[in-house]
Amino acid sequence: MLWQLLATSAIALIAGYLTGSAGAISALLGGLVMVVAVSVFAVMTGGNKVRSAGEILRTLVRAEAGKIGVIVLQLWLVLTAYESVVPVVFIGTFIVAVLIYPIALLVRD
């Protein structure tokens, strides 16, 4: 999640410089969509004492479904509620955050 936040911040700075405050806010919102979704996934998978492979699989499927639901809801909310959204910046930052997620898992802190 740290890498997603760093990338989001960097893109927000660049977008803010190029397109103004609406671009910076759009970039922040795009990155935060994925950060919040990953947090939901972590909450849904953390702390469960599973006893079998089937329970692990069910937990992961539920958490992934919850993550996807949160993503769809947030994308819809931002695109409908924030009138000054810069769609290219918003969706672009979201895509970068999505692509960073599996890569960041490979990096050891």
Protein backbone atom coordinates (compact mmCIF):
# COMPACT_ATOMS: atom_id res chain seq x y z
CA MET A 1 0.00 0.00 0.00
CA LEU A 2 2.95 2.32 0.64
CA TRP A 3 4.05 2.05 -2.99
CA GLN A 4 0.53 2.89 -4.16
CA LEU A 5 0.47 5.96 -1.93
CA LEU A 6 3.89 7.09 -3.15
CA ALA A 7 2.94 6.66 -6.80
CA THR A 8 -0.38 8.41 -6.23
CA SER A 9 1.36 11.34 -4.55
CA ALA A 10 3.89 11.65 -7.36
CA ILE A 11 1.20 11.56 -10.03
CA ALA A 12 -0.89 14.08 -8.07
CA LEU A 13 2.07 16.49 -7.97
CA ILE A 14 2.65 16.16 -11.69
CA ALA A 15 -1.06 16.40 -12.54
CA GLY A 16 -1.44 19.38 -10.24
CA TYR A 17 1.39 21.14 -12.02
CA LEU A 18 0.04 20.33 -15.49
CA THR A 19 -3.73 20.63 -15.01
CA GLY A 20 -4.22 22.49 -11.74
CA SER A 21 -5.92 21.52 -8.53
CA ALA A 22 -8.69 19.52 -10.24
CA GLY A 23 -6.04 17.26 -11.77
CA ALA A 24 -4.26 16.82 -8.46
CA ILE A 25 -7.50 15.95 -6.68
CA SER A 26 -8.47 13.57 -9.49
CA ALA A 27 -5.13 11.79 -9.19
CA LEU A 28 -5.46 11.50 -5.41
CA LEU A 29 -8.96 10.11 -5.75
CA GLY A 30 -7.85 7.64 -8.43
CA GLY A 31 -5.09 6.26 -6.26
CA LEU A 32 -7.16 6.23 -3.11
CA VAL A 33 -9.80 4.07 -4.77
CA MET A 34 -7.30 1.22 -4.89
CA VAL A 35 -5.80 1.96 -1.47
CA VAL A 36 -9.22 1.77 0.17
CA ALA A 37 -10.07 -1.40 -1.77
CA VAL A 38 -6.83 -3.09 -0.67
CA SER A 39 -7.58 -2.05 2.91
CA VAL A 40 -11.01 -3.69 2.68
CA PHE A 41 -9.35 -6.85 1.36
CA ALA A 42 -6.86 -6.82 4.24
CA VAL A 43 -9.58 -6.37 6.85
CA MET A 44 -11.67 -9.17 5.36
CA THR A 45 -8.75 -11.63 5.26
CA GLY A 46 -6.94 -10.64 8.43
CA GLY A 47 -7.60 -12.20 11.79
CA ASN A 48 -9.54 -15.18 10.50
CA LYS A 49 -8.60 -18.47 12.07
CA VAL A 50 -9.23 -20.83 9.20
CA ARG A 51 -9.02 -24.54 9.60
CA SER A 52 -9.08 -25.89 6.06
CA ALA A 53 -8.11 -25.06 2.51
CA GLY A 54 -11.79 -24.65 1.67
CA GLU A 55 -12.22 -22.00 4.35
CA ILE A 56 -9.14 -20.17 3.09
CA LEU A 57 -10.49 -20.21 -0.45
CA ARG A 58 -13.94 -18.98 0.66
CA THR A 59 -12.34 -16.17 2.67
CA LEU A 60 -10.19 -15.09 -0.27
CA VAL A 61 -13.11 -15.17 -2.72
CA ARG A 62 -15.30 -13.12 -0.36
CA ALA A 63 -12.50 -10.62 0.22
CA GLU A 64 -11.83 -10.28 -3.51
CA ALA A 65 -15.55 -9.80 -4.20
CA GLY A 66 -15.67 -7.16 -1.48
CA LYS A 67 -12.64 -5.42 -2.97
CA ILE A 68 -14.18 -5.37 -6.44
CA GLY A 69 -17.48 -4.09 -5.05
CA VAL A 70 -15.72 -1.27 -3.20
CA ILE A 71 -13.78 -0.36 -6.36
CA VAL A 72 -16.93 -0.18 -8.50
CA LEU A 73 -18.78 1.86 -5.87
CA GLN A 74 -15.92 4.33 -5.44
CA LEU A 75 -15.40 4.75 -9.20
CA TRP A 76 -19.10 5.47 -9.60
CA LEU A 77 -19.14 7.88 -6.66
CA VAL A 78 -16.18 9.90 -7.87
CA LEU A 79 -17.32 10.06 -11.48
CA THR A 80 -20.84 11.16 -10.51
CA ALA A 81 -20.22 13.32 -7.46
CA TYR A 82 -17.00 15.19 -8.27
CA GLU A 83 -17.91 17.53 -11.11
CA SER A 84 -14.37 18.79 -11.73
CA VAL A 85 -12.88 15.33 -12.18
CA VAL A 86 -10.21 15.04 -14.87
CA PRO A 87 -11.13 11.58 -16.23
CA VAL A 88 -7.80 10.81 -17.89
CA VAL A 89 -5.88 11.62 -14.71
CA PHE A 90 -8.38 9.84 -12.45
CA ILE A 91 -8.53 6.61 -14.46
CA GLY A 92 -4.80 6.74 -15.26
CA THR A 93 -3.82 6.99 -11.61
CA PHE A 94 -6.27 4.23 -10.73
CA ILE A 95 -4.70 1.98 -13.37
CA VAL A 96 -1.19 2.72 -12.07
CA ALA A 97 -2.32 1.87 -8.52
CA VAL A 98 -3.88 -1.38 -9.76
CA LEU A 99 -0.68 -2.34 -11.58
CA ILE A 100 1.53 -1.48 -8.60
CA TYR A 101 -0.44 -3.74 -6.24
CA PRO A 102 0.94 -7.11 -7.46
CA ILE A 103 4.42 -5.67 -8.05
CA ALA A 104 4.60 -4.24 -4.53
CA LEU A 105 3.92 -7.69 -3.11
CA LEU A 106 7.28 -8.80 -4.50
CA VAL A 107 9.24 -5.99 -2.80
CA ARG A 108 10.55 -6.71 0.66
CA ASP A 109 10.48 -3.81 3.09
